[in-house]
Amino acid sequence: MGTFENYLIAVRPWSFSTSMMPVLLGTALAYPSLRAMSIIVLLLTCISALCVHAAANLFNTYYDYIHGVDTSLHDDKSKDKQNAVDNIDDRTLIEGLLKPNDVVRLGLILYAIGTIAFLFLTNFSPAKEPYLAVIFFGALPLSFLYTGGIGFKYIALGDIIILLTFGPITVVFSYMAQAGHYSIYPILYALPLTLNTEAILHSNNTRDMKHDLSVGILTLSILLGKRYSYYLYCLLMYSPYIIILYIMINISWYCFLPLLTIFYAYRLCEEFKNDELIKLPNRTALLNFLLGFLYILSIVITNTVRKEQQFLF
């Protein structure tokens, strides 16, 4: 493959829905208070969020490689490790498709592009610049510290970073960029997506818990063990539907749409229970996309119908 294809694989574009869905959700929640939605603001918000997400993916790859997380697994030729080897998130460094310096360089470039997009965003957004800056420049180092610096991922605190970054922080950032003011409600509406996104990470960490323990990594899955990790996974999977059901009953019946995915969620919980973990993170990510799409669509429909009558909140 050529260099461009290698770089494209390194940024893991298949994971971008976990950052784009919160951006679209924040925009959908801001819609009732807008005279007209700003496409420019939405585009710049997407670019800044995507660049930070892609850069975080690259530094995750780099530090996993430096710390020997992926390399030791790749070097182990035993049959019981082969399936895990095939599911390493990014193989660009362990297979020599890119050099470590290339990954770091691209990560820094993406952080720079994301920052430039943010600076343009402050000129078009009605939000006061300091408030947006606090959110953006608070989230950017968190995305790096997941594996870089402190390395929250390696000391069982990575789940907190994911819960914050791919949930309330991104949703509020997108909401404020469009609406121009802060509100607590986007945080509450972000919970279903946030919990489901955390389920992706938790299933991934549970799948890799034996290997992570062997290389000295401590994750929440390791602390809980397989049995309680299953209970937490079920909690993360079913809680969004309880919240959405509450929204449907108290706000609008249009919000029933995400409930259509509950049978898929049940099937994934059964796979976890039966220790079918190899493909579970990918399947959970697909559920995240479907749930997020239907959730945002239901809010857009609700706000469109009720904009002339009553705001969503």
C-alpha atoms as a PDB file:
ATOM      1  CA  MET A   1       0.000   0.000   0.000  1.00  0.00           C
ATOM      2  CA  GLY A   2       1.038   3.557  -0.553  1.00  0.00           C
ATOM      3  CA  THR A   3       1.832   6.065   2.170  1.00  0.00           C
ATOM      4  CA  PHE A   4      -1.578   7.733   2.008  1.00  0.00           C
ATOM      5  CA  GLU A   5      -3.368   4.444   2.648  1.00  0.00           C
ATOM      6  CA  ASN A   6      -1.071   3.745   5.596  1.00  0.00           C
ATOM      7  CA  TYR A   7      -1.788   7.122   7.141  1.00  0.00           C
ATOM      8  CA  LEU A   8      -5.512   6.631   6.546  1.00  0.00           C
ATOM      9  CA  ILE A   9      -5.426   3.305   8.383  1.00  0.00           C
ATOM     10  CA  ALA A  10      -3.410   4.863  11.216  1.00  0.00           C
ATOM     11  CA  VAL A  11      -6.053   7.485  12.062  1.00  0.00           C
ATOM     12  CA  ARG A  12      -8.727   4.733  12.320  1.00  0.00           C
ATOM     13  CA  PRO A  13     -11.549   6.478  10.411  1.00  0.00           C
ATOM     14  CA  TRP A  14     -13.959   3.658  11.325  1.00  0.00           C
ATOM     15  CA  SER A  15     -13.961   5.021  14.903  1.00  0.00           C
ATOM     16  CA  PHE A  16     -14.954   8.574  13.971  1.00  0.00           C
ATOM     17  CA  SER A  17     -18.658   8.029  14.582  1.00  0.00           C
ATOM     18  CA  THR A  18     -17.961   8.129  18.329  1.00  0.00           C
ATOM     19  CA  SER A  19     -16.897  11.780  18.023  1.00  0.00           C
ATOM     20  CA  MET A  20     -19.235  12.819  15.205  1.00  0.00           C
ATOM     21  CA  MET A  21     -22.418  11.595  16.894  1.00  0.00           C
ATOM     22  CA  PRO A  22     -21.892  13.868  19.945  1.00  0.00           C
ATOM     23  CA  VAL A  23     -21.232  16.810  17.604  1.00  0.00           C
ATOM     24  CA  LEU A  24     -24.447  16.156  15.676  1.00  0.00           C
ATOM     25  CA  LEU A  25     -26.357  15.613  18.922  1.00  0.00           C
ATOM     26  CA  GLY A  26     -25.220  18.966  20.311  1.00  0.00           C
ATOM     27  CA  THR A  27     -26.275  20.658  17.079  1.00  0.00           C
ATOM     28  CA  ALA A  28     -29.678  18.933  17.124  1.00  0.00           C
ATOM     29  CA  LEU A  29     -30.262  20.018  20.720  1.00  0.00           C
ATOM     30  CA  ALA A  30     -29.376  23.623  19.864  1.00  0.00           C
ATOM     31  CA  TYR A  31     -31.770  23.760  16.915  1.00  0.00           C
ATOM     32  CA  PRO A  32     -34.903  24.979  18.807  1.00  0.00           C
ATOM     33  CA  SER A  33     -33.127  28.125  20.029  1.00  0.00           C
ATOM     34  CA  LEU A  34     -31.747  29.017  16.585  1.00  0.00           C
ATOM     35  CA  ARG A  35     -33.259  31.159  13.891  1.00  0.00           C
ATOM     36  CA  ALA A  36     -31.198  29.145  11.430  1.00  0.00           C
ATOM     37  CA  MET A  37     -28.552  26.492  11.920  1.00  0.00           C
ATOM     38  CA  SER A  38     -25.076  27.585  10.837  1.00  0.00           C
ATOM     39  CA  ILE A  39     -23.560  25.072   8.426  1.00  0.00           C
ATOM     40  CA  ILE A  40     -20.176  26.780   8.742  1.00  0.00           C
ATOM     41  CA  VAL A  41     -20.221  26.415  12.526  1.00  0.00           C
ATOM     42  CA  LEU A  42     -21.225  22.761  12.191  1.00  0.00           C
ATOM     43  CA  LEU A  43     -18.472  22.083   9.645  1.00  0.00           C
ATOM     44  CA  LEU A  44     -15.766  23.756  11.746  1.00  0.00           C
ATOM     45  CA  THR A  45     -16.975  21.950  14.864  1.00  0.00           C
ATOM     46  CA  CYS A  46     -16.766  18.632  13.016  1.00  0.00           C
ATOM     47  CA  ILE A  47     -13.264  19.382  11.726  1.00  0.00           C
ATOM     48  CA  SER A  48     -11.931  20.387  15.143  1.00  0.00           C
ATOM     49  CA  ALA A  49     -13.494  17.335  16.852  1.00  0.00           C
ATOM     50  CA  LEU A  50     -12.353  14.926  14.134  1.00  0.00           C
ATOM     51  CA  CYS A  51      -8.785  16.202  14.154  1.00  0.00           C
ATOM     52  CA  VAL A  52      -8.488  15.886  17.930  1.00  0.00           C
ATOM     53  CA  HIS A  53      -9.998  12.384  17.771  1.00  0.00           C
ATOM     54  CA  ALA A  54      -7.690  11.289  14.939  1.00  0.00           C
ATOM     55  CA  ALA A  55      -4.642  12.722  16.716  1.00  0.00           C
ATOM     56  CA  ALA A  56      -5.624  10.881  19.897  1.00  0.00           C
ATOM     57  CA  ASN A  57      -5.855   7.641  17.898  1.00  0.00           C
ATOM     58  CA  LEU A  58      -2.354   8.192  16.539  1.00  0.00           C
ATOM     59  CA  PHE A  59      -0.814   8.875  19.930  1.00  0.00           C
ATOM     60  CA  ASN A  60      -2.670   5.865  21.308  1.00  0.00           C
ATOM     61  CA  THR A  61      -1.000   3.753  18.612  1.00  0.00           C
ATOM     62  CA  TYR A  62       2.386   5.335  19.315  1.00  0.00           C
ATOM     63  CA  TYR A  63       2.371   4.886  23.078  1.00  0.00           C
ATOM     64  CA  ASP A  64       0.949   1.359  22.909  1.00  0.00           C
ATOM     65  CA  TYR A  65       3.871   0.565  20.599  1.00  0.00           C
ATOM     66  CA  ILE A  66       6.433   2.310  22.814  1.00  0.00           C
ATOM     67  CA  HIS A  67       5.157   0.566  25.937  1.00  0.00           C
ATOM     68  CA  GLY A  68       5.189  -2.796  24.184  1.00  0.00           C
ATOM     69  CA  VAL A  69       1.433  -3.332  24.500  1.00  0.00           C
ATOM     70  CA  ASP A  70       0.923  -4.345  20.877  1.00  0.00           C
ATOM     71  CA  THR A  71       4.433  -5.475  20.011  1.00  0.00           C
ATOM     72  CA  SER A  72       4.628  -8.130  22.716  1.00  0.00           C
ATOM     73  CA  LEU A  73       1.269  -9.510  21.625  1.00  0.00           C
ATOM     74  CA  HIS A  74       2.303  -9.493  17.974  1.00  0.00           C
ATOM     75  CA  ASP A  75       5.560 -11.274  18.762  1.00  0.00           C
ATOM     76  CA  ASP A  76       3.752 -14.025  20.676  1.00  0.00           C
ATOM     77  CA  LYS A  77       3.155 -16.802  18.118  1.00  0.00           C
ATOM     78  CA  SER A  78       1.103 -19.086  20.358  1.00  0.00           C
ATOM     79  CA  LYS A  79      -2.240 -20.159  18.967  1.00  0.00           C
ATOM     80  CA  ASP A  80      -4.240 -18.817  21.907  1.00  0.00           C
ATOM     81  CA  LYS A  81      -2.959 -15.312  21.155  1.00  0.00           C
ATOM     82  CA  GLN A  82      -3.494 -15.383  17.400  1.00  0.00           C
ATOM     83  CA  ASN A  83      -7.097 -14.175  17.454  1.00  0.00           C
ATOM     84  CA  ALA A  84      -6.123 -11.256  19.679  1.00  0.00           C
ATOM     85  CA  VAL A  85      -3.275 -10.400  17.325  1.00  0.00           C
ATOM     86  CA  ASP A  86      -5.729 -10.212  14.445  1.00  0.00           C
ATOM     87  CA  ASN A  87      -7.800  -7.677  16.372  1.00  0.00           C
ATOM     88  CA  ILE A  88      -5.090  -5.171  17.301  1.00  0.00           C
ATOM     89  CA  ASP A  89      -6.681  -1.777  16.672  1.00  0.00           C
ATOM     90  CA  ASP A  90      -3.881  -0.435  14.513  1.00  0.00           C
ATOM     91  CA  ARG A  91      -1.101  -2.496  12.936  1.00  0.00           C
ATOM     92  CA  THR A  92       0.739   0.311  11.133  1.00  0.00           C
ATOM     93  CA  LEU A  93       3.698   0.364  13.535  1.00  0.00           C
ATOM     94  CA  ILE A  94       3.987  -3.308  14.445  1.00  0.00           C
ATOM     95  CA  GLU A  95       3.995  -4.233  10.743  1.00  0.00           C
ATOM     96  CA  GLY A  96       6.319  -1.383   9.759  1.00  0.00           C
ATOM     97  CA  LEU A  97       3.807   0.398   7.529  1.00  0.00           C
ATOM     98  CA  LEU A  98       4.796   3.660   9.207  1.00  0.00           C
ATOM     99  CA  LYS A  99       7.643   4.737  11.451  1.00  0.00           C
ATOM    100  CA  PRO A 100       6.966   6.003  15.000  1.00  0.00           C
ATOM    101  CA  ASN A 101       8.148   9.494  14.059  1.00  0.00           C
ATOM    102  CA  ASP A 102       5.676   9.537  11.155  1.00  0.00           C
ATOM    103  CA  VAL A 103       2.812   8.770  13.525  1.00  0.00           C
ATOM    104  CA  VAL A 104       3.871  11.470  15.996  1.00  0.00           C
ATOM    105  CA  ARG A 105       4.329  14.020  13.209  1.00  0.00           C
ATOM    106  CA  LEU A 106       0.878  13.384  11.781  1.00  0.00           C
ATOM    107  CA  GLY A 107      -0.643  13.544  15.268  1.00  0.00           C
ATOM    108  CA  LEU A 108       0.892  16.967  15.872  1.00  0.00           C
ATOM    109  CA  ILE A 109      -0.279  18.175  12.449  1.00  0.00           C
ATOM    110  CA  LEU A 110      -3.837  17.057  13.188  1.00  0.00           C
ATOM    111  CA  TYR A 111      -3.789  18.800  16.571  1.00  0.00           C
ATOM    112  CA  ALA A 112      -2.622  21.951  14.762  1.00  0.00           C
ATOM    113  CA  ILE A 113      -5.370  21.675  12.107  1.00  0.00           C
ATOM    114  CA  GLY A 114      -7.961  21.102  14.817  1.00  0.00           C
ATOM    115  CA  THR A 115      -6.749  24.195  16.668  1.00  0.00           C
ATOM    116  CA  ILE A 116      -6.852  26.309  13.492  1.00  0.00           C
ATOM    117  CA  ALA A 117     -10.391  25.096  12.806  1.00  0.00           C
ATOM    118  CA  PHE A 118     -11.318  26.066  16.365  1.00  0.00           C
ATOM    119  CA  LEU A 119      -9.875  29.563  15.915  1.00  0.00           C
ATOM    120  CA  PHE A 120     -11.986  30.018  12.788  1.00  0.00           C
ATOM    121  CA  LEU A 121     -14.960  28.649  14.717  1.00  0.00           C
ATOM    122  CA  THR A 122     -14.667  31.424  17.309  1.00  0.00           C
ATOM    123  CA  ASN A 123     -15.192  33.986  14.516  1.00  0.00           C
ATOM    124  CA  PHE A 124     -18.419  32.399  13.290  1.00  0.00           C
ATOM    125  CA  SER A 125     -19.940  31.088  16.511  1.00  0.00           C
ATOM    126  CA  PRO A 126     -22.209  33.330  18.617  1.00  0.00           C
ATOM    127  CA  ALA A 127     -20.638  31.830  21.757  1.00  0.00           C
ATOM    128  CA  LYS A 128     -18.226  33.899  23.786  1.00  0.00           C
ATOM    129  CA  GLU A 129     -14.707  32.843  22.876  1.00  0.00           C
ATOM    130  CA  PRO A 130     -13.331  32.164  26.408  1.00  0.00           C
ATOM    131  CA  TYR A 131     -16.055  29.604  27.144  1.00  0.00           C
ATOM    132  CA  LEU A 132     -15.451  27.653  23.943  1.00  0.00           C
ATOM    133  CA  ALA A 133     -11.700  27.879  24.499  1.00  0.00           C
ATOM    134  CA  VAL A 134     -11.989  26.381  27.996  1.00  0.00           C
ATOM    135  CA  ILE A 135     -13.820  23.360  26.575  1.00  0.00           C
ATOM    136  CA  PHE A 136     -11.617  22.854  23.519  1.00  0.00           C
ATOM    137  CA  PHE A 137      -8.266  23.354  25.219  1.00  0.00           C
ATOM    138  CA  GLY A 138      -9.476  21.234  28.108  1.00  0.00           C
ATOM    139  CA  ALA A 139     -10.457  18.321  25.872  1.00  0.00           C
ATOM    140  CA  LEU A 140      -7.329  18.444  23.692  1.00  0.00           C
ATOM    141  CA  PRO A 141      -4.818  17.505  26.428  1.00  0.00           C
ATOM    142  CA  LEU A 142      -7.230  14.907  27.808  1.00  0.00           C
ATOM    143  CA  SER A 143      -7.200  13.177  24.422  1.00  0.00           C
ATOM    144  CA  PHE A 144      -3.400  13.038  24.583  1.00  0.00           C
ATOM    145  CA  LEU A 145      -3.157  11.987  28.224  1.00  0.00           C
ATOM    146  CA  TYR A 146      -5.287   8.906  27.557  1.00  0.00           C
ATOM    147  CA  THR A 147      -2.061   7.095  26.637  1.00  0.00           C
ATOM    148  CA  GLY A 148       0.555   9.891  26.586  1.00  0.00           C
ATOM    149  CA  GLY A 149       2.076  11.577  29.620  1.00  0.00           C
ATOM    150  CA  ILE A 150       0.224  10.229  32.646  1.00  0.00           C
ATOM    151  CA  GLY A 151      -1.277   7.477  30.484  1.00  0.00           C
ATOM    152  CA  PHE A 152      -4.705   7.183  32.108  1.00  0.00           C
ATOM    153  CA  LYS A 153      -5.398   4.096  30.001  1.00  0.00           C
ATOM    154  CA  TYR A 154      -2.653   2.185  31.783  1.00  0.00           C
ATOM    155  CA  ILE A 155      -3.812   2.959  35.343  1.00  0.00           C
ATOM    156  CA  ALA A 156      -7.529   2.058  35.085  1.00  0.00           C
ATOM    157  CA  LEU A 157      -8.611   5.667  34.513  1.00  0.00           C
ATOM    158  CA  GLY A 158      -9.025   5.541  30.739  1.00  0.00           C
ATOM    159  CA  ASP A 159     -12.767   4.933  31.094  1.00  0.00           C
ATOM    160  CA  ILE A 160     -13.180   8.320  32.785  1.00  0.00           C
ATOM    161  CA  ILE A 161     -11.424  10.076  29.898  1.00  0.00           C
ATOM    162  CA  ILE A 162     -13.681   8.360  27.358  1.00  0.00           C
ATOM    163  CA  LEU A 163     -16.818   9.146  29.370  1.00  0.00           C
ATOM    164  CA  LEU A 164     -15.910  12.831  29.502  1.00  0.00           C
ATOM    165  CA  THR A 165     -14.412  13.380  26.052  1.00  0.00           C
ATOM    166  CA  PHE A 166     -16.836  11.390  23.884  1.00  0.00           C
ATOM    167  CA  GLY A 167     -19.885  12.540  25.796  1.00  0.00           C
ATOM    168  CA  PRO A 168     -20.642  15.695  27.749  1.00  0.00           C
ATOM    169  CA  ILE A 169     -17.588  17.675  26.635  1.00  0.00           C
ATOM    170  CA  THR A 170     -18.160  17.220  22.887  1.00  0.00           C
ATOM    171  CA  VAL A 171     -21.943  17.611  23.106  1.00  0.00           C
ATOM    172  CA  VAL A 172     -21.713  20.818  25.157  1.00  0.00           C
ATOM    173  CA  PHE A 173     -18.978  22.156  22.857  1.00  0.00           C
ATOM    174  CA  SER A 174     -21.157  21.583  19.788  1.00  0.00           C
ATOM    175  CA  TYR A 175     -24.259  22.966  21.519  1.00  0.00           C
ATOM    176  CA  MET A 176     -22.519  26.147  22.642  1.00  0.00           C
ATOM    177  CA  ALA A 177     -20.918  26.670  19.238  1.00  0.00           C
ATOM    178  CA  GLN A 178     -24.389  26.787  17.659  1.00  0.00           C
ATOM    179  CA  ALA A 179     -26.572  28.258  20.410  1.00  0.00           C
ATOM    180  CA  GLY A 180     -24.033  30.679  21.827  1.00  0.00           C
ATOM    181  CA  HIS A 181     -24.798  29.869  25.471  1.00  0.00           C
ATOM    182  CA  TYR A 182     -24.332  27.132  28.033  1.00  0.00           C
ATOM    183  CA  SER A 183     -27.102  24.810  29.200  1.00  0.00           C
ATOM    184  CA  ILE A 184     -27.147  21.789  31.512  1.00  0.00           C
ATOM    185  CA  TYR A 185     -29.658  19.909  29.362  1.00  0.00           C
ATOM    186  CA  PRO A 186     -27.221  18.805  26.624  1.00  0.00           C
ATOM    187  CA  ILE A 187     -25.245  16.963  29.313  1.00  0.00           C
ATOM    188  CA  LEU A 188     -28.335  15.023  30.341  1.00  0.00           C
ATOM    189  CA  TYR A 189     -29.278  14.226  26.748  1.00  0.00           C
ATOM    190  CA  ALA A 190     -25.693  13.112  26.103  1.00  0.00           C
ATOM    191  CA  LEU A 191     -25.927  10.268  28.640  1.00  0.00           C
ATOM    192  CA  PRO A 192     -27.330   7.556  26.315  1.00  0.00           C
ATOM    193  CA  LEU A 193     -24.568   8.050  23.749  1.00  0.00           C
ATOM    194  CA  THR A 194     -21.915   8.450  26.433  1.00  0.00           C
ATOM    195  CA  LEU A 195     -22.787   5.205  28.196  1.00  0.00           C
ATOM    196  CA  ASN A 196     -22.973   3.280  24.932  1.00  0.00           C
ATOM    197  CA  THR A 197     -19.600   4.645  23.799  1.00  0.00           C
ATOM    198  CA  GLU A 198     -18.068   3.536  27.091  1.00  0.00           C
ATOM    199  CA  ALA A 199     -19.452   0.051  26.379  1.00  0.00           C
ATOM    200  CA  ILE A 200     -17.187  -0.097  23.300  1.00  0.00           C
ATOM    201  CA  LEU A 201     -14.076   0.567  25.383  1.00  0.00           C
ATOM    202  CA  HIS A 202     -15.191  -1.768  28.148  1.00  0.00           C
ATOM    203  CA  SER A 203     -15.785  -4.664  25.750  1.00  0.00           C
ATOM    204  CA  ASN A 204     -12.386  -4.042  24.167  1.00  0.00           C
ATOM    205  CA  ASN A 205     -10.635  -3.987  27.545  1.00  0.00           C
ATOM    206  CA  THR A 206     -12.442  -7.133  28.683  1.00  0.00           C
ATOM    207  CA  ARG A 207     -11.405  -8.948  25.510  1.00  0.00           C
ATOM    208  CA  ASP A 208      -7.771  -7.957  26.090  1.00  0.00           C
ATOM    209  CA  MET A 209      -7.688  -8.201  29.887  1.00  0.00           C
ATOM    210  CA  LYS A 210      -5.406 -11.260  30.095  1.00  0.00           C
ATOM    211  CA  HIS A 211      -2.841  -9.733  27.769  1.00  0.00           C
ATOM    212  CA  ASP A 212      -3.094  -6.296  29.403  1.00  0.00           C
ATOM    213  CA  LEU A 213      -2.427  -7.857  32.788  1.00  0.00           C
ATOM    214  CA  SER A 214       0.597  -9.728  31.408  1.00  0.00           C
ATOM    215  CA  VAL A 215       2.222  -6.481  30.195  1.00  0.00           C
ATOM    216  CA  GLY A 216       1.471  -4.523  33.357  1.00  0.00           C
ATOM    217  CA  ILE A 217      -1.589  -2.558  32.251  1.00  0.00           C
ATOM    218  CA  LEU A 218      -4.361  -2.016  34.761  1.00  0.00           C
ATOM    219  CA  THR A 219      -7.880  -1.494  33.388  1.00  0.00           C
ATOM    220  CA  LEU A 220     -11.319  -1.378  34.944  1.00  0.00           C
ATOM    221  CA  SER A 221     -12.049  -4.791  33.422  1.00  0.00           C
ATOM    222  CA  ILE A 222      -9.059  -6.279  35.242  1.00  0.00           C
ATOM    223  CA  LEU A 223     -10.175  -4.748  38.538  1.00  0.00           C
ATOM    224  CA  LEU A 224     -13.726  -6.064  38.137  1.00  0.00           C
ATOM    225  CA  GLY A 225     -12.955  -9.486  36.703  1.00  0.00           C
ATOM    226  CA  LYS A 226     -14.930 -11.219  33.951  1.00  0.00           C
ATOM    227  CA  ARG A 227     -18.165 -11.686  35.918  1.00  0.00           C
ATOM    228  CA  TYR A 228     -18.578  -8.112  37.122  1.00  0.00           C
ATOM    229  CA  SER A 229     -17.317  -6.768  33.804  1.00  0.00           C
ATOM    230  CA  TYR A 230     -20.278  -8.538  32.233  1.00  0.00           C
ATOM    231  CA  TYR A 231     -22.650  -6.868  34.706  1.00  0.00           C
ATOM    232  CA  LEU A 232     -21.131  -3.467  33.935  1.00  0.00           C
ATOM    233  CA  TYR A 233     -21.392  -4.090  30.196  1.00  0.00           C
ATOM    234  CA  CYS A 234     -25.098  -4.906  30.546  1.00  0.00           C
ATOM    235  CA  LEU A 235     -25.577  -1.750  32.630  1.00  0.00           C
ATOM    236  CA  LEU A 236     -23.845   0.348  29.980  1.00  0.00           C
ATOM    237  CA  MET A 237     -25.923  -1.263  27.234  1.00  0.00           C
ATOM    238  CA  TYR A 238     -29.382  -1.107  28.814  1.00  0.00           C
ATOM    239  CA  SER A 239     -29.194   2.199  30.730  1.00  0.00           C
ATOM    240  CA  PRO A 240     -29.423   4.292  27.526  1.00  0.00           C
ATOM    241  CA  TYR A 241     -32.749   2.657  26.693  1.00  0.00           C
ATOM    242  CA  ILE A 242     -34.150   3.475  30.135  1.00  0.00           C
ATOM    243  CA  ILE A 243     -33.143   7.116  29.693  1.00  0.00           C
ATOM    244  CA  ILE A 244     -34.554   7.224  26.162  1.00  0.00           C
ATOM    245  CA  LEU A 245     -37.796   5.627  27.366  1.00  0.00           C
ATOM    246  CA  TYR A 246     -38.092   8.372  29.981  1.00  0.00           C
ATOM    247  CA  ILE A 247     -37.517  11.008  27.289  1.00  0.00           C
ATOM    248  CA  MET A 248     -40.120   9.377  25.068  1.00  0.00           C
ATOM    249  CA  ILE A 249     -42.751   9.345  27.818  1.00  0.00           C
ATOM    250  CA  ASN A 250     -42.102  12.872  29.083  1.00  0.00           C
ATOM    251  CA  ILE A 251     -40.956  14.741  25.961  1.00  0.00           C
ATOM    252  CA  SER A 252     -42.056  13.135  22.710  1.00  0.00           C
ATOM    253  CA  TRP A 253     -43.099   9.724  21.461  1.00  0.00           C
ATOM    254  CA  TYR A 254     -40.907  10.347  18.390  1.00  0.00           C
ATOM    255  CA  CYS A 255     -37.976   9.365  20.602  1.00  0.00           C
ATOM    256  CA  PHE A 256     -39.033   5.731  20.366  1.00  0.00           C
ATOM    257  CA  LEU A 257     -36.764   5.268  17.331  1.00  0.00           C
ATOM    258  CA  PRO A 258     -33.567   4.336  19.250  1.00  0.00           C
ATOM    259  CA  LEU A 259     -35.520   1.661  21.117  1.00  0.00           C
ATOM    260  CA  LEU A 260     -35.588  -0.324  17.874  1.00  0.00           C
ATOM    261  CA  THR A 261     -31.976  -1.329  18.517  1.00  0.00           C
ATOM    262  CA  ILE A 262     -32.591  -2.926  21.920  1.00  0.00           C
ATOM    263  CA  PHE A 263     -32.789  -6.458  20.493  1.00  0.00           C
ATOM    264  CA  TYR A 264     -29.329  -6.014  18.992  1.00  0.00           C
ATOM    265  CA  ALA A 265     -28.095  -4.805  22.386  1.00  0.00           C
ATOM    266  CA  TYR A 266     -29.553  -7.931  23.992  1.00  0.00           C
ATOM    267  CA  ARG A 267     -27.739 -10.125  21.481  1.00  0.00           C
ATOM    268  CA  LEU A 268     -24.437  -8.390  22.243  1.00  0.00           C
ATOM    269  CA  CYS A 269     -24.939  -8.937  25.977  1.00  0.00           C
ATOM    270  CA  GLU A 270     -25.495 -12.615  25.264  1.00  0.00           C
ATOM    271  CA  GLU A 271     -22.257 -12.725  23.261  1.00  0.00           C
ATOM    272  CA  PHE A 272     -20.430 -11.176  26.211  1.00  0.00           C
ATOM    273  CA  LYS A 273     -22.025 -13.709  28.574  1.00  0.00           C
ATOM    274  CA  ASN A 274     -20.924 -16.569  26.314  1.00  0.00           C
ATOM    275  CA  ASP A 275     -17.370 -15.197  26.172  1.00  0.00           C
ATOM    276  CA  GLU A 276     -17.631 -14.370  22.453  1.00  0.00           C
ATOM    277  CA  LEU A 277     -15.451 -11.292  22.795  1.00  0.00           C
ATOM    278  CA  ILE A 278     -13.221 -11.235  19.720  1.00  0.00           C
ATOM    279  CA  LYS A 279     -15.563  -9.185  17.532  1.00  0.00           C
ATOM    280  CA  LEU A 280     -17.644  -7.676  20.339  1.00  0.00           C
ATOM    281  CA  PRO A 281     -15.993  -4.203  20.329  1.00  0.00           C
ATOM    282  CA  ASN A 282     -16.686  -3.870  16.583  1.00  0.00           C
ATOM    283  CA  ARG A 283     -20.281  -5.016  17.017  1.00  0.00           C
ATOM    284  CA  THR A 284     -20.763  -2.616  19.922  1.00  0.00           C
ATOM    285  CA  ALA A 285     -19.391   0.214  17.774  1.00  0.00           C
ATOM    286  CA  LEU A 286     -21.972  -0.626  15.122  1.00  0.00           C
ATOM    287  CA  LEU A 287     -24.703  -0.453  17.752  1.00  0.00           C
ATOM    288  CA  ASN A 288     -23.297   2.906  18.851  1.00  0.00           C
ATOM    289  CA  PHE A 289     -23.665   4.241  15.321  1.00  0.00           C
ATOM    290  CA  LEU A 290     -27.200   2.904  14.889  1.00  0.00           C
ATOM    291  CA  LEU A 291     -28.327   4.073  18.314  1.00  0.00           C
ATOM    292  CA  GLY A 292     -26.748   7.493  17.831  1.00  0.00           C
ATOM    293  CA  PHE A 293     -28.223   7.972  14.363  1.00  0.00           C
ATOM    294  CA  LEU A 294     -31.753   7.068  15.458  1.00  0.00           C
ATOM    295  CA  TYR A 295     -31.427   9.084  18.668  1.00  0.00           C
ATOM    296  CA  ILE A 296     -30.348  12.220  16.826  1.00  0.00           C
ATOM    297  CA  LEU A 297     -33.000  11.678  14.143  1.00  0.00           C
ATOM    298  CA  SER A 298     -35.698  11.416  16.813  1.00  0.00           C
ATOM    299  CA  ILE A 299     -34.563  14.691  18.398  1.00  0.00           C
ATOM    300  CA  VAL A 300     -34.453  16.437  15.016  1.00  0.00           C
ATOM    301  CA  ILE A 301     -37.994  15.253  14.227  1.00  0.00           C
ATOM    302  CA  THR A 302     -39.223  16.292  17.663  1.00  0.00           C
ATOM    303  CA  ASN A 303     -37.684  19.750  17.418  1.00  0.00           C
ATOM    304  CA  THR A 304     -38.911  20.265  13.868  1.00  0.00           C
ATOM    305  CA  VAL A 305     -42.479  19.393  14.847  1.00  0.00           C
ATOM    306  CA  ARG A 306     -42.457  21.384  18.064  1.00  0.00           C
ATOM    307  CA  LYS A 307     -40.313  24.383  17.153  1.00  0.00           C
ATOM    308  CA  GLU A 308     -43.343  26.565  16.498  1.00  0.00           C
ATOM    309  CA  GLN A 309     -45.115  25.274  19.600  1.00  0.00           C
ATOM    310  CA  GLN A 310     -42.674  24.517  22.379  1.00  0.00           C
ATOM    311  CA  PHE A 311     -38.917  24.083  22.702  1.00  0.00           C
ATOM    312  CA  LEU A 312     -37.510  20.670  23.605  1.00  0.00           C
ATOM    313  CA  PHE A 313     -36.219  22.155  26.849  1.00  0.00           C
END
